[in-house]
Amino acid sequence: MLLITCPHCGPRAELEFAYAGEAHIARPTDPMALDDESWARFLYHRANPKGLHAERWRHLHGCAQFFNVVRDTVSDSIVTTYPAGQPRPALPGDDKGATR
């Protein structure tokens, strides 16, 4: 079981949380202008990296807030958590920090 640190409530068991998909996905500015293929790409195509990955989680059985988690998909360990709306923090050895 994972121990997830909610930025609002502190460390809690994984059972209190719900996974909510990849973090930092920008919504289309004009959804009505998208064709079916572009809309499907926005809805369903997500990164599936081996290594560090930014994810959105919700503290369902706690504060009910959404927040972001950087998790290593290889070891399933959580590297850091941070409030929703903030950029992904720069991490040692990571080339994706603070840009997504």
N, C-alpha and C. Protein backbone atom coordinates (compact mmCIF):
# COMPACT_ATOMS: atom_id res chain seq x y z
N MET A 1 0.83 -1.17 0.00
CA MET A 1 0.00 0.00 0.00
C MET A 1 0.88 1.24 0.00
N LEU A 2 0.47 2.23 -0.77
CA LEU A 2 1.20 3.49 -0.83
C LEU A 2 0.81 4.39 0.34
N LEU A 3 1.77 5.16 0.79
CA LEU A 3 1.52 6.23 1.74
C LEU A 3 1.62 7.53 0.94
N ILE A 4 0.49 8.22 0.79
CA ILE A 4 0.44 9.43 -0.02
C ILE A 4 0.32 10.63 0.90
N THR A 5 1.17 11.62 0.68
CA THR A 5 1.13 12.84 1.49
C THR A 5 0.26 13.87 0.79
N CYS A 6 -0.93 14.09 1.32
CA CYS A 6 -1.81 15.13 0.81
C CYS A 6 -1.21 16.47 1.20
N PRO A 7 -1.07 17.41 0.28
CA PRO A 7 -0.49 18.71 0.62
C PRO A 7 -1.36 19.50 1.61
N HIS A 8 -2.61 19.08 1.78
CA HIS A 8 -3.52 19.78 2.67
C HIS A 8 -3.70 19.08 4.02
N CYS A 9 -3.57 17.75 4.05
CA CYS A 9 -3.87 16.97 5.26
C CYS A 9 -2.69 16.18 5.82
N GLY A 10 -1.63 16.00 5.03
CA GLY A 10 -0.50 15.20 5.49
C GLY A 10 -0.59 13.76 4.99
N PRO A 11 0.29 12.90 5.51
CA PRO A 11 0.37 11.51 5.03
C PRO A 11 -0.88 10.70 5.39
N ARG A 12 -1.37 9.97 4.40
CA ARG A 12 -2.54 9.11 4.58
C ARG A 12 -2.37 7.86 3.74
N ALA A 13 -3.13 6.82 4.07
CA ALA A 13 -3.09 5.56 3.32
C ALA A 13 -3.71 5.75 1.94
N GLU A 14 -3.22 5.00 0.99
CA GLU A 14 -3.68 5.06 -0.40
C GLU A 14 -5.20 4.88 -0.52
N LEU A 15 -5.80 4.13 0.38
CA LEU A 15 -7.23 3.85 0.33
C LEU A 15 -8.09 5.10 0.43
N GLU A 16 -7.55 6.20 0.93
CA GLU A 16 -8.31 7.44 1.06
C GLU A 16 -8.35 8.25 -0.23
N PHE A 17 -7.62 7.83 -1.26
CA PHE A 17 -7.42 8.63 -2.45
C PHE A 17 -8.00 7.97 -3.69
N ALA A 18 -8.27 8.79 -4.69
CA ALA A 18 -8.71 8.29 -6.00
C ALA A 18 -7.79 8.88 -7.07
N TYR A 19 -7.30 8.02 -7.94
CA TYR A 19 -6.47 8.45 -9.07
C TYR A 19 -7.35 9.20 -10.05
N ALA A 20 -6.85 10.31 -10.60
CA ALA A 20 -7.66 11.13 -11.50
C ALA A 20 -6.96 11.43 -12.82
N GLY A 21 -6.00 10.61 -13.20
CA GLY A 21 -5.38 10.75 -14.51
C GLY A 21 -4.09 11.54 -14.51
N GLU A 22 -3.59 11.77 -15.70
CA GLU A 22 -2.34 12.50 -15.90
C GLU A 22 -2.51 13.96 -15.51
N ALA A 23 -1.53 14.53 -14.86
CA ALA A 23 -1.57 15.93 -14.44
C ALA A 23 -1.11 16.85 -15.58
N HIS A 24 -1.49 18.10 -15.47
CA HIS A 24 -1.04 19.17 -16.37
C HIS A 24 -1.50 18.98 -17.82
N ILE A 25 -2.71 18.47 -18.00
CA ILE A 25 -3.30 18.35 -19.33
C ILE A 25 -4.07 19.64 -19.60
N ALA A 26 -3.69 20.35 -20.63
CA ALA A 26 -4.35 21.61 -20.98
C ALA A 26 -5.61 21.34 -21.78
N ARG A 27 -6.73 21.89 -21.32
CA ARG A 27 -7.98 21.75 -22.05
C ARG A 27 -7.93 22.58 -23.34
N PRO A 28 -8.60 22.13 -24.38
CA PRO A 28 -8.64 22.92 -25.62
C PRO A 28 -9.31 24.27 -25.37
N THR A 29 -8.79 25.32 -25.97
CA THR A 29 -9.37 26.65 -25.77
C THR A 29 -10.72 26.77 -26.48
N ASP A 30 -10.90 26.07 -27.59
CA ASP A 30 -12.17 26.09 -28.31
C ASP A 30 -12.57 24.65 -28.65
N PRO A 31 -13.17 23.92 -27.71
CA PRO A 31 -13.51 22.51 -27.95
C PRO A 31 -14.42 22.29 -29.16
N MET A 32 -15.29 23.25 -29.44
CA MET A 32 -16.22 23.10 -30.57
C MET A 32 -15.50 23.12 -31.92
N ALA A 33 -14.28 23.64 -31.95
CA ALA A 33 -13.53 23.71 -33.20
C ALA A 33 -12.76 22.42 -33.49
N LEU A 34 -12.71 21.50 -32.55
CA LEU A 34 -11.96 20.26 -32.75
C LEU A 34 -12.73 19.27 -33.60
N ASP A 35 -12.03 18.58 -34.47
CA ASP A 35 -12.66 17.48 -35.20
C ASP A 35 -12.66 16.24 -34.29
N ASP A 36 -13.31 15.18 -34.72
CA ASP A 36 -13.44 13.99 -33.88
C ASP A 36 -12.09 13.39 -33.49
N GLU A 37 -11.16 13.35 -34.42
CA GLU A 37 -9.85 12.78 -34.14
C GLU A 37 -9.09 13.60 -33.08
N SER A 38 -9.14 14.91 -33.20
CA SER A 38 -8.47 15.78 -32.22
C SER A 38 -9.12 15.68 -30.85
N TRP A 39 -10.44 15.61 -30.83
CA TRP A 39 -11.15 15.48 -29.55
C TRP A 39 -10.82 14.15 -28.89
N ALA A 40 -10.79 13.07 -29.67
CA ALA A 40 -10.44 11.75 -29.13
C ALA A 40 -9.01 11.75 -28.60
N ARG A 41 -8.09 12.41 -29.30
CA ARG A 41 -6.70 12.50 -28.85
C ARG A 41 -6.63 13.21 -27.50
N PHE A 42 -7.39 14.31 -27.36
CA PHE A 42 -7.41 15.03 -26.08
C PHE A 42 -7.99 14.17 -24.96
N LEU A 43 -9.06 13.46 -25.23
CA LEU A 43 -9.73 12.68 -24.19
C LEU A 43 -8.98 11.41 -23.77
N TYR A 44 -8.36 10.73 -24.74
CA TYR A 44 -7.88 9.38 -24.46
C TYR A 44 -6.37 9.16 -24.56
N HIS A 45 -5.65 9.98 -25.28
CA HIS A 45 -4.21 9.73 -25.46
C HIS A 45 -3.44 10.37 -24.31
N ARG A 46 -2.77 9.54 -23.55
CA ARG A 46 -1.99 10.01 -22.41
C ARG A 46 -0.60 9.38 -22.45
N ALA A 47 0.32 10.07 -21.80
CA ALA A 47 1.68 9.53 -21.68
C ALA A 47 1.64 8.30 -20.78
N ASN A 48 2.49 7.37 -21.06
CA ASN A 48 2.62 6.18 -20.23
C ASN A 48 4.11 5.90 -20.04
N PRO A 49 4.80 6.83 -19.36
CA PRO A 49 6.26 6.73 -19.30
C PRO A 49 6.76 5.67 -18.33
N LYS A 50 7.94 5.25 -18.59
CA LYS A 50 8.67 4.41 -17.64
C LYS A 50 9.56 5.36 -16.86
N GLY A 51 9.26 5.55 -15.59
CA GLY A 51 10.01 6.50 -14.77
C GLY A 51 9.08 7.51 -14.13
N LEU A 52 9.56 8.73 -13.97
CA LEU A 52 8.78 9.76 -13.29
C LEU A 52 7.59 10.22 -14.13
N HIS A 53 6.45 10.35 -13.46
CA HIS A 53 5.21 10.71 -14.13
C HIS A 53 4.37 11.57 -13.21
N ALA A 54 3.88 12.71 -13.72
CA ALA A 54 3.02 13.60 -12.93
C ALA A 54 1.57 13.15 -13.06
N GLU A 55 0.93 12.91 -11.93
CA GLU A 55 -0.44 12.41 -11.90
C GLU A 55 -1.31 13.32 -11.03
N ARG A 56 -2.58 13.30 -11.30
CA ARG A 56 -3.55 14.04 -10.48
C ARG A 56 -4.27 13.03 -9.59
N TRP A 57 -4.40 13.37 -8.33
CA TRP A 57 -5.10 12.53 -7.36
C TRP A 57 -6.10 13.39 -6.60
N ARG A 58 -7.09 12.74 -5.99
CA ARG A 58 -8.06 13.45 -5.16
C ARG A 58 -8.14 12.76 -3.81
N HIS A 59 -8.09 13.56 -2.75
CA HIS A 59 -8.21 13.02 -1.39
C HIS A 59 -9.70 12.83 -1.09
N LEU A 60 -10.23 11.77 -1.64
CA LEU A 60 -11.66 11.51 -1.63
C LEU A 60 -12.24 11.38 -0.22
N HIS A 61 -11.56 10.66 0.65
CA HIS A 61 -12.05 10.42 2.01
C HIS A 61 -11.33 11.30 3.02
N GLY A 62 -11.08 12.52 2.63
CA GLY A 62 -10.42 13.50 3.50
C GLY A 62 -10.91 14.88 3.13
N CYS A 63 -10.01 15.72 2.68
CA CYS A 63 -10.35 17.12 2.35
C CYS A 63 -11.06 17.26 1.01
N ALA A 64 -11.10 16.21 0.21
CA ALA A 64 -11.75 16.19 -1.11
C ALA A 64 -11.05 17.07 -2.14
N GLN A 65 -9.85 17.53 -1.86
CA GLN A 65 -9.10 18.39 -2.77
C GLN A 65 -8.33 17.57 -3.80
N PHE A 66 -8.18 18.13 -5.01
CA PHE A 66 -7.30 17.56 -6.01
C PHE A 66 -5.89 18.08 -5.77
N PHE A 67 -4.90 17.26 -6.07
CA PHE A 67 -3.49 17.66 -5.97
C PHE A 67 -2.70 16.79 -6.93
N ASN A 68 -1.44 17.13 -7.12
CA ASN A 68 -0.58 16.41 -8.06
C ASN A 68 0.47 15.60 -7.33
N VAL A 69 0.84 14.51 -7.95
CA VAL A 69 1.83 13.57 -7.42
C VAL A 69 2.84 13.27 -8.51
N VAL A 70 4.11 13.29 -8.19
CA VAL A 70 5.12 12.76 -9.11
C VAL A 70 5.48 11.38 -8.58
N ARG A 71 5.17 10.37 -9.40
CA ARG A 71 5.36 8.97 -8.99
C ARG A 71 6.29 8.29 -9.99
N ASP A 72 7.18 7.45 -9.47
CA ASP A 72 8.06 6.65 -10.31
C ASP A 72 7.28 5.40 -10.70
N THR A 73 6.98 5.26 -11.99
CA THR A 73 6.17 4.13 -12.44
C THR A 73 6.92 2.80 -12.40
N VAL A 74 8.22 2.84 -12.26
CA VAL A 74 9.00 1.61 -12.18
C VAL A 74 8.94 1.03 -10.76
N SER A 75 9.21 1.86 -9.76
CA SER A 75 9.23 1.39 -8.38
C SER A 75 7.92 1.63 -7.65
N ASP A 76 7.00 2.38 -8.25
CA ASP A 76 5.71 2.77 -7.66
C ASP A 76 5.89 3.64 -6.42
N SER A 77 7.04 4.28 -6.31
CA SER A 77 7.28 5.16 -5.16
C SER A 77 6.89 6.59 -5.51
N ILE A 78 6.39 7.29 -4.53
CA ILE A 78 6.00 8.68 -4.71
C ILE A 78 7.18 9.57 -4.39
N VAL A 79 7.55 10.41 -5.34
CA VAL A 79 8.70 11.29 -5.19
C VAL A 79 8.31 12.58 -4.49
N THR A 80 7.19 13.18 -4.90
CA THR A 80 6.72 14.42 -4.27
C THR A 80 5.24 14.62 -4.56
N THR A 81 4.61 15.44 -3.74
CA THR A 81 3.24 15.88 -3.99
C THR A 81 3.21 17.40 -3.91
N TYR A 82 2.23 18.01 -4.60
CA TYR A 82 2.12 19.47 -4.59
C TYR A 82 0.69 19.85 -4.96
N PRO A 83 0.23 21.02 -4.53
CA PRO A 83 -1.15 21.43 -4.80
C PRO A 83 -1.44 21.56 -6.30
N ALA A 84 -2.68 21.29 -6.66
CA ALA A 84 -3.13 21.49 -8.05
C ALA A 84 -2.98 22.96 -8.41
N GLY A 85 -2.67 23.21 -9.66
CA GLY A 85 -2.50 24.58 -10.12
C GLY A 85 -1.07 25.07 -10.08
N GLN A 86 -0.20 24.35 -9.39
CA GLN A 86 1.21 24.72 -9.36
C GLN A 86 1.95 23.93 -10.45
N PRO A 87 3.03 24.49 -10.99
CA PRO A 87 3.80 23.75 -12.00
C PRO A 87 4.52 22.57 -11.36
N ARG A 88 4.82 21.60 -12.19
CA ARG A 88 5.58 20.44 -11.72
C ARG A 88 6.94 20.90 -11.23
N PRO A 89 7.34 20.52 -10.01
CA PRO A 89 8.63 20.97 -9.50
C PRO A 89 9.79 20.29 -10.23
N ALA A 90 10.91 21.00 -10.31
CA ALA A 90 12.13 20.43 -10.88
C ALA A 90 12.68 19.40 -9.90
N LEU A 91 13.06 18.26 -10.43
CA LEU A 91 13.60 17.18 -9.60
C LEU A 91 14.99 16.82 -10.10
N PRO A 92 15.89 16.39 -9.21
CA PRO A 92 17.22 15.99 -9.64
C PRO A 92 17.16 14.86 -10.68
N GLY A 93 17.88 15.03 -11.78
CA GLY A 93 17.93 14.01 -12.83
C GLY A 93 16.68 13.95 -13.69
N ASP A 94 15.84 14.96 -13.60
CA ASP A 94 14.59 14.97 -14.35
C ASP A 94 14.58 16.16 -15.30
N ASP A 95 14.33 15.93 -16.57
CA ASP A 95 14.34 17.02 -17.55
C ASP A 95 12.95 17.62 -17.79
N LYS A 96 11.92 17.17 -17.03
CA LYS A 96 10.57 17.66 -17.27
C LYS A 96 10.08 18.62 -16.19
N GLY A 97 10.84 18.86 -15.17
CA GLY A 97 10.40 19.71 -14.08
C GLY A 97 10.15 21.14 -14.47
N ALA A 98 9.17 21.74 -13.88
CA ALA A 98 8.83 23.15 -14.00
C ALA A 98 8.43 23.59 -15.41
N THR A 99 8.29 22.65 -16.33
CA THR A 99 7.86 23.03 -17.68
C THR A 99 6.50 22.48 -18.03
N ARG A 100 5.96 21.61 -17.25
CA ARG A 100 4.67 20.99 -17.55
C ARG A 100 3.66 21.34 -16.50
